Amino acid sequence: MKKINIIILFMLLSCTDSDIKKNKKDNAINNSNSISIEVDKDIDLSTEMYVFKKNDISLLKNQLRNKLKYPCSAEKTRKIENINQLPGSNYYFFNDGTIKKSFTLKCDEESIIYPIGMGIVIDVERNRVEDIWTQDKKFKHYFDRMISELGYLPNDFKRILHKNYVMIDHGYYFSENFRALSIYTNLKNIPENVKVGFEATMLTELGFIDNEGIDLLSTTLLNNEDNKLEVQKDIINFEIIFEKDEQHYFIGEGLTEQLNVKSFDDIFE
């Protein structure tokens, strides 16, 4: 009996350190695999991490130097209810392939609109009263046909639909590697002091939302109390553009399939 015990003890002692290390490594690999499976299952890395991602160009949320301010303040901004309020979704009035590049957020009635961050005003239009979309049927036909052929809404066409607007250059306030610009459209009562070259802060008043007439860019359909879709008032349409090496990128670009109503809550404050 003693001989058997001695033999067993000898066999145990003869296990090398490399065998023990190998077993530990195998256990670690198995544990890490089970962890990674849970992470992949519960977290959508695209919407969790990125502001936009196009080919090999991207901006991570944790790379933002500053968060964006809500244009009508956090207190007066309603929660996003529909994915079509986000950039990367589709416009209501154009074909399904026309990607929207702006936010359309619902504000409290008569809310003042403010910049999303510090910057310099580089363009203002406050006196446009004509609505070429409804007044000129020939142009509307040309407009519709061109968008259908292009498959997207070009910036020069979009500028026509901006009506009265303010554009602000934020420089590198939001990102170390991308210049940022913001455009606030469909405004009224833009103050006279807001002009090209004006230094805007987060407290600069840009005007109010214009609820008169039809605005194609800010049109938003949400469910009313009877659970029926209806066109909303007090919608601010604003676009944020990131620029690098003469290329432009918008929030949500490359993330269309992963968008949800909370995708960008964490980049605002």
Protein backbone atom coordinates (compact mmCIF):
# COMPACT_ATOMS: atom_id res chain seq x y z
CA MET A 1 0.00 0.00 0.00
CA LYS A 2 2.83 2.40 0.84
CA LYS A 3 4.43 1.59 -2.51
CA ILE A 4 1.24 2.54 -4.36
CA ASN A 5 0.99 5.86 -2.48
CA ILE A 6 4.63 6.64 -3.23
CA ILE A 7 4.11 5.91 -6.93
CA ILE A 8 1.03 8.19 -7.08
CA LEU A 9 2.93 10.97 -5.27
CA PHE A 10 5.83 10.62 -7.68
CA MET A 11 3.51 10.88 -10.68
CA LEU A 12 1.91 14.06 -9.32
CA LEU A 13 5.26 15.68 -8.65
CA SER A 14 6.45 14.75 -12.11
CA CYS A 15 3.86 17.11 -13.74
CA THR A 16 5.94 19.94 -15.21
CA ASP A 17 5.33 23.66 -14.78
CA SER A 18 4.64 23.88 -18.53
CA ASP A 19 1.71 21.48 -18.17
CA ILE A 20 0.25 23.56 -15.36
CA LYS A 21 0.72 26.78 -17.35
CA LYS A 22 -0.89 25.17 -20.39
CA ASN A 23 -3.94 24.20 -18.35
CA LYS A 24 -4.23 27.73 -16.98
CA LYS A 25 -3.92 29.19 -20.48
CA ASP A 26 -6.60 26.84 -21.83
CA ASN A 27 -8.95 27.82 -19.01
CA ALA A 28 -8.28 31.50 -19.66
CA ILE A 29 -9.04 31.11 -23.37
CA ASN A 30 -12.27 29.27 -22.62
CA ASN A 31 -13.31 31.96 -20.14
CA SER A 32 -12.45 34.80 -22.52
CA ASN A 33 -14.44 33.14 -25.32
CA SER A 34 -17.52 32.91 -23.15
CA ILE A 35 -17.13 36.57 -22.16
CA SER A 36 -16.70 37.78 -25.76
CA ILE A 37 -19.82 35.91 -26.81
CA GLU A 38 -21.84 37.76 -24.17
CA VAL A 39 -20.40 41.14 -25.22
CA ASP A 40 -21.17 40.52 -28.90
CA LYS A 41 -24.69 39.50 -27.98
CA ASP A 42 -25.56 42.45 -25.76
CA ILE A 43 -23.66 45.41 -27.26
CA ASP A 44 -23.92 46.89 -30.74
CA LEU A 45 -20.43 48.35 -31.13
CA SER A 46 -21.42 50.55 -34.09
CA THR A 47 -24.01 52.61 -32.26
CA GLU A 48 -22.22 52.41 -28.93
CA MET A 49 -18.86 53.69 -30.15
CA TYR A 50 -19.13 55.74 -33.31
CA VAL A 51 -20.36 59.20 -34.27
CA PHE A 52 -19.82 58.15 -37.89
CA LYS A 53 -17.83 55.50 -39.74
CA LYS A 54 -17.15 55.64 -43.48
CA ASN A 55 -14.60 53.23 -44.92
CA ASP A 56 -11.40 53.84 -42.94
CA ILE A 57 -12.48 57.29 -41.69
CA SER A 58 -14.35 57.41 -38.39
CA LEU A 59 -15.01 59.49 -35.30
CA LEU A 60 -15.52 57.76 -31.97
CA LYS A 61 -17.85 59.20 -29.37
CA ASN A 62 -15.06 59.24 -26.79
CA GLN A 63 -12.97 61.36 -29.18
CA LEU A 64 -15.39 64.27 -28.98
CA ARG A 65 -13.78 67.17 -27.16
CA ASN A 66 -17.16 68.58 -26.12
CA LYS A 67 -20.69 67.32 -26.10
CA LEU A 68 -23.32 68.99 -28.29
CA LYS A 69 -25.89 71.27 -26.71
CA TYR A 70 -29.52 70.73 -27.64
CA PRO A 71 -30.55 73.66 -29.89
CA CYS A 72 -33.68 74.38 -27.84
CA SER A 73 -32.00 73.30 -24.56
CA ALA A 74 -32.20 69.90 -22.91
CA GLU A 75 -35.17 70.96 -20.77
CA LYS A 76 -37.28 71.98 -23.80
CA THR A 77 -36.35 69.09 -26.12
CA ARG A 78 -38.76 66.16 -26.32
CA LYS A 79 -37.41 62.62 -26.43
CA ILE A 80 -36.83 61.18 -29.88
CA GLU A 81 -39.79 58.97 -30.76
CA ASN A 82 -39.08 57.94 -34.33
CA ILE A 83 -35.89 56.84 -36.07
CA ASN A 84 -36.75 59.23 -38.91
CA GLN A 85 -35.80 62.09 -36.59
CA LEU A 86 -32.16 60.99 -36.86
CA PRO A 87 -29.51 61.56 -39.51
CA GLY A 88 -28.90 58.37 -41.45
CA SER A 89 -32.63 57.73 -41.84
CA ASN A 90 -34.79 58.74 -44.82
CA TYR A 91 -36.69 61.90 -45.73
CA TYR A 92 -40.47 61.69 -45.91
CA PHE A 93 -40.79 63.56 -49.21
CA PHE A 94 -38.06 61.93 -51.32
CA ASN A 95 -37.37 58.41 -52.57
CA ASP A 96 -36.26 55.73 -50.11
CA GLY A 97 -32.64 55.99 -51.19
CA THR A 98 -32.38 59.65 -50.17
CA ILE A 99 -30.48 59.65 -46.89
CA LYS A 100 -31.27 62.36 -44.38
CA LYS A 101 -28.27 64.11 -42.80
CA SER A 102 -29.96 66.20 -40.13
CA PHE A 103 -31.70 65.91 -36.78
CA THR A 104 -35.35 66.92 -36.52
CA LEU A 105 -36.04 67.36 -32.82
CA LYS A 106 -39.33 68.43 -31.32
CA CYS A 107 -39.11 71.43 -29.00
CA ASP A 108 -41.57 73.04 -26.63
CA GLU A 109 -43.75 75.71 -28.23
CA GLU A 110 -42.01 79.05 -28.91
CA SER A 111 -38.61 77.71 -27.87
CA ILE A 112 -35.59 79.88 -28.63
CA ILE A 113 -32.94 78.16 -30.78
CA TYR A 114 -29.30 78.25 -29.64
CA PRO A 115 -26.01 76.97 -31.17
CA ILE A 116 -24.85 73.45 -30.31
CA GLY A 117 -21.46 74.93 -29.36
CA MET A 118 -19.15 77.92 -29.66
CA GLY A 119 -18.22 79.15 -33.12
CA ILE A 120 -18.27 81.84 -35.79
CA VAL A 121 -21.32 82.63 -37.91
CA ILE A 122 -20.32 82.15 -41.55
CA ASP A 123 -23.69 82.40 -43.33
CA VAL A 124 -27.15 83.82 -42.60
CA GLU A 125 -30.39 84.10 -44.55
CA ARG A 126 -33.23 85.93 -42.82
CA ASN A 127 -35.25 87.52 -45.61
CA ARG A 128 -36.26 84.65 -47.87
CA VAL A 129 -40.01 84.68 -48.26
CA GLU A 130 -40.61 82.88 -51.55
CA ASP A 131 -41.32 79.18 -51.63
CA ILE A 132 -40.06 78.03 -55.00
CA TRP A 133 -41.13 74.47 -54.23
CA THR A 134 -44.84 75.36 -54.32
CA GLN A 135 -44.71 78.40 -56.61
CA ASP A 136 -42.85 76.94 -59.59
CA LYS A 137 -44.21 73.59 -60.76
CA LYS A 138 -41.58 73.27 -63.50
CA PHE A 139 -38.79 73.61 -60.96
CA LYS A 140 -40.49 71.10 -58.66
CA HIS A 141 -40.59 68.59 -61.53
CA TYR A 142 -36.90 69.24 -62.28
CA PHE A 143 -36.08 68.97 -58.56
CA ASP A 144 -37.88 65.62 -58.18
CA ARG A 145 -36.38 64.16 -61.35
CA MET A 146 -32.82 65.19 -60.48
CA ILE A 147 -32.99 63.71 -56.98
CA SER A 148 -34.43 60.50 -58.38
CA GLU A 149 -31.59 60.22 -60.89
CA LEU A 150 -28.85 61.14 -58.41
CA GLY A 151 -30.17 58.99 -55.57
CA TYR A 152 -29.36 61.67 -52.99
CA LEU A 153 -30.22 65.26 -52.08
CA PRO A 154 -27.30 67.46 -53.27
CA ASN A 155 -26.18 70.35 -51.07
CA ASP A 156 -27.09 73.04 -53.60
CA PHE A 157 -30.66 71.72 -53.78
CA LYS A 158 -30.79 71.38 -50.03
CA ARG A 159 -29.73 75.01 -49.61
CA ILE A 160 -32.82 76.09 -51.56
CA LEU A 161 -34.99 74.26 -49.02
CA HIS A 162 -33.26 75.80 -46.00
CA LYS A 163 -35.45 78.92 -46.12
CA ASN A 164 -34.16 81.25 -43.38
CA TYR A 165 -31.13 79.74 -41.68
CA VAL A 166 -27.89 80.26 -39.74
CA MET A 167 -24.62 78.41 -40.38
CA ILE A 168 -21.88 78.27 -37.75
CA ASP A 169 -18.25 77.17 -38.07
CA HIS A 170 -17.15 75.46 -34.85
CA GLY A 171 -13.59 74.84 -36.04
CA TYR A 172 -12.06 72.04 -33.95
CA TYR A 173 -14.25 72.67 -30.91
CA PHE A 174 -15.81 69.18 -31.12
CA SER A 175 -12.97 67.14 -32.59
CA GLU A 176 -9.20 67.38 -32.80
CA ASN A 177 -9.13 65.95 -36.33
CA PHE A 178 -12.34 67.24 -37.93
CA ARG A 179 -13.63 70.75 -38.53
CA ALA A 180 -17.30 70.96 -37.54
CA LEU A 181 -20.09 73.09 -38.96
CA SER A 182 -23.76 73.31 -37.97
CA ILE A 183 -26.76 74.59 -39.91
CA TYR A 184 -30.11 75.58 -38.32
CA THR A 185 -32.91 75.91 -40.89
CA ASN A 186 -36.54 77.00 -41.09
CA LEU A 187 -36.03 79.85 -38.60
CA LYS A 188 -37.86 83.11 -38.04
CA ASN A 189 -37.02 86.32 -36.17
CA ILE A 190 -33.25 85.84 -36.51
CA PRO A 191 -31.71 88.69 -34.48
CA GLU A 192 -29.97 91.46 -36.45
CA ASN A 193 -26.73 91.03 -34.47
CA VAL A 194 -26.40 87.46 -35.80
CA LYS A 195 -24.40 88.13 -38.94
CA VAL A 196 -21.33 86.81 -40.74
CA GLY A 197 -18.30 87.06 -38.45
CA PHE A 198 -20.35 87.12 -35.25
CA GLU A 199 -18.82 85.07 -32.41
CA ALA A 200 -21.58 82.76 -31.18
CA THR A 201 -21.71 81.15 -27.76
CA MET A 202 -24.09 78.56 -26.37
CA LEU A 203 -26.24 81.49 -25.10
CA THR A 204 -26.54 83.24 -28.49
CA GLU A 205 -30.16 83.40 -29.61
CA LEU A 206 -30.54 82.33 -33.25
CA GLY A 207 -34.29 82.89 -33.53
CA PHE A 208 -37.45 80.78 -33.35
CA ILE A 209 -38.84 77.87 -35.37
CA ASP A 210 -41.04 78.93 -38.27
CA ASN A 211 -44.21 76.83 -38.21
CA GLU A 212 -45.83 78.54 -41.19
CA GLY A 213 -46.17 76.65 -44.47
CA ILE A 214 -44.53 73.38 -45.46
CA ASP A 215 -40.90 72.71 -44.70
CA LEU A 216 -39.67 69.56 -46.43
CA LEU A 217 -36.49 69.19 -44.38
CA SER A 218 -38.07 69.44 -40.94
CA THR A 219 -41.34 67.60 -41.64
CA THR A 220 -41.78 64.96 -38.93
CA LEU A 221 -44.67 62.55 -38.44
CA LEU A 222 -45.35 61.29 -34.92
CA ASN A 223 -48.27 59.51 -33.28
CA ASN A 224 -50.87 61.73 -31.63
CA GLU A 225 -53.08 60.87 -28.66
CA ASP A 226 -55.24 58.71 -30.93
CA ASN A 227 -52.16 56.82 -32.10
CA LYS A 228 -52.43 58.32 -35.60
CA LEU A 229 -49.54 59.90 -37.45
CA GLU A 230 -49.70 63.65 -37.83
CA VAL A 231 -47.30 66.39 -38.92
CA GLN A 232 -45.61 67.96 -35.91
CA LYS A 233 -45.02 71.64 -35.19
CA ASP A 234 -42.05 73.14 -33.36
CA ILE A 235 -39.51 70.88 -35.08
CA ILE A 236 -35.95 72.21 -35.33
CA ASN A 237 -34.03 70.91 -38.32
CA PHE A 238 -30.27 71.12 -37.82
CA GLU A 239 -27.37 69.46 -39.54
CA ILE A 240 -23.85 68.86 -38.23
CA ILE A 241 -21.06 68.42 -40.76
CA PHE A 242 -17.58 67.11 -40.03
CA GLU A 243 -14.92 68.05 -42.56
CA LYS A 244 -11.44 66.68 -43.22
CA ASP A 245 -9.25 66.90 -46.35
CA GLU A 246 -12.15 68.48 -48.29
CA GLN A 247 -14.38 65.49 -47.51
CA HIS A 248 -17.62 65.83 -45.53
CA TYR A 249 -19.18 63.40 -43.07
CA PHE A 250 -22.45 63.51 -41.14
CA ILE A 251 -23.46 62.05 -37.79
CA GLY A 252 -24.74 58.51 -38.30
CA GLU A 253 -22.97 58.03 -41.62
CA GLY A 254 -22.13 54.36 -42.13
CA LEU A 255 -24.35 53.35 -39.19
CA THR A 256 -27.74 53.36 -40.90
CA GLU A 257 -28.55 49.70 -40.27
CA GLN A 258 -27.73 49.98 -36.56
CA LEU A 259 -29.66 53.18 -35.78
CA ASN A 260 -32.18 53.30 -32.95
CA VAL A 261 -33.92 56.22 -31.23
CA LYS A 262 -31.25 56.36 -28.50
CA SER A 263 -28.21 56.06 -30.77
CA PHE A 264 -26.90 59.56 -30.13
CA ASP A 265 -28.39 60.51 -26.75
CA ASP A 266 -24.95 60.32 -25.18
CA ILE A 267 -23.32 62.95 -27.43
CA PHE A 268 -25.78 65.66 -26.32
CA GLU A 269 -26.21 67.46 -23.04
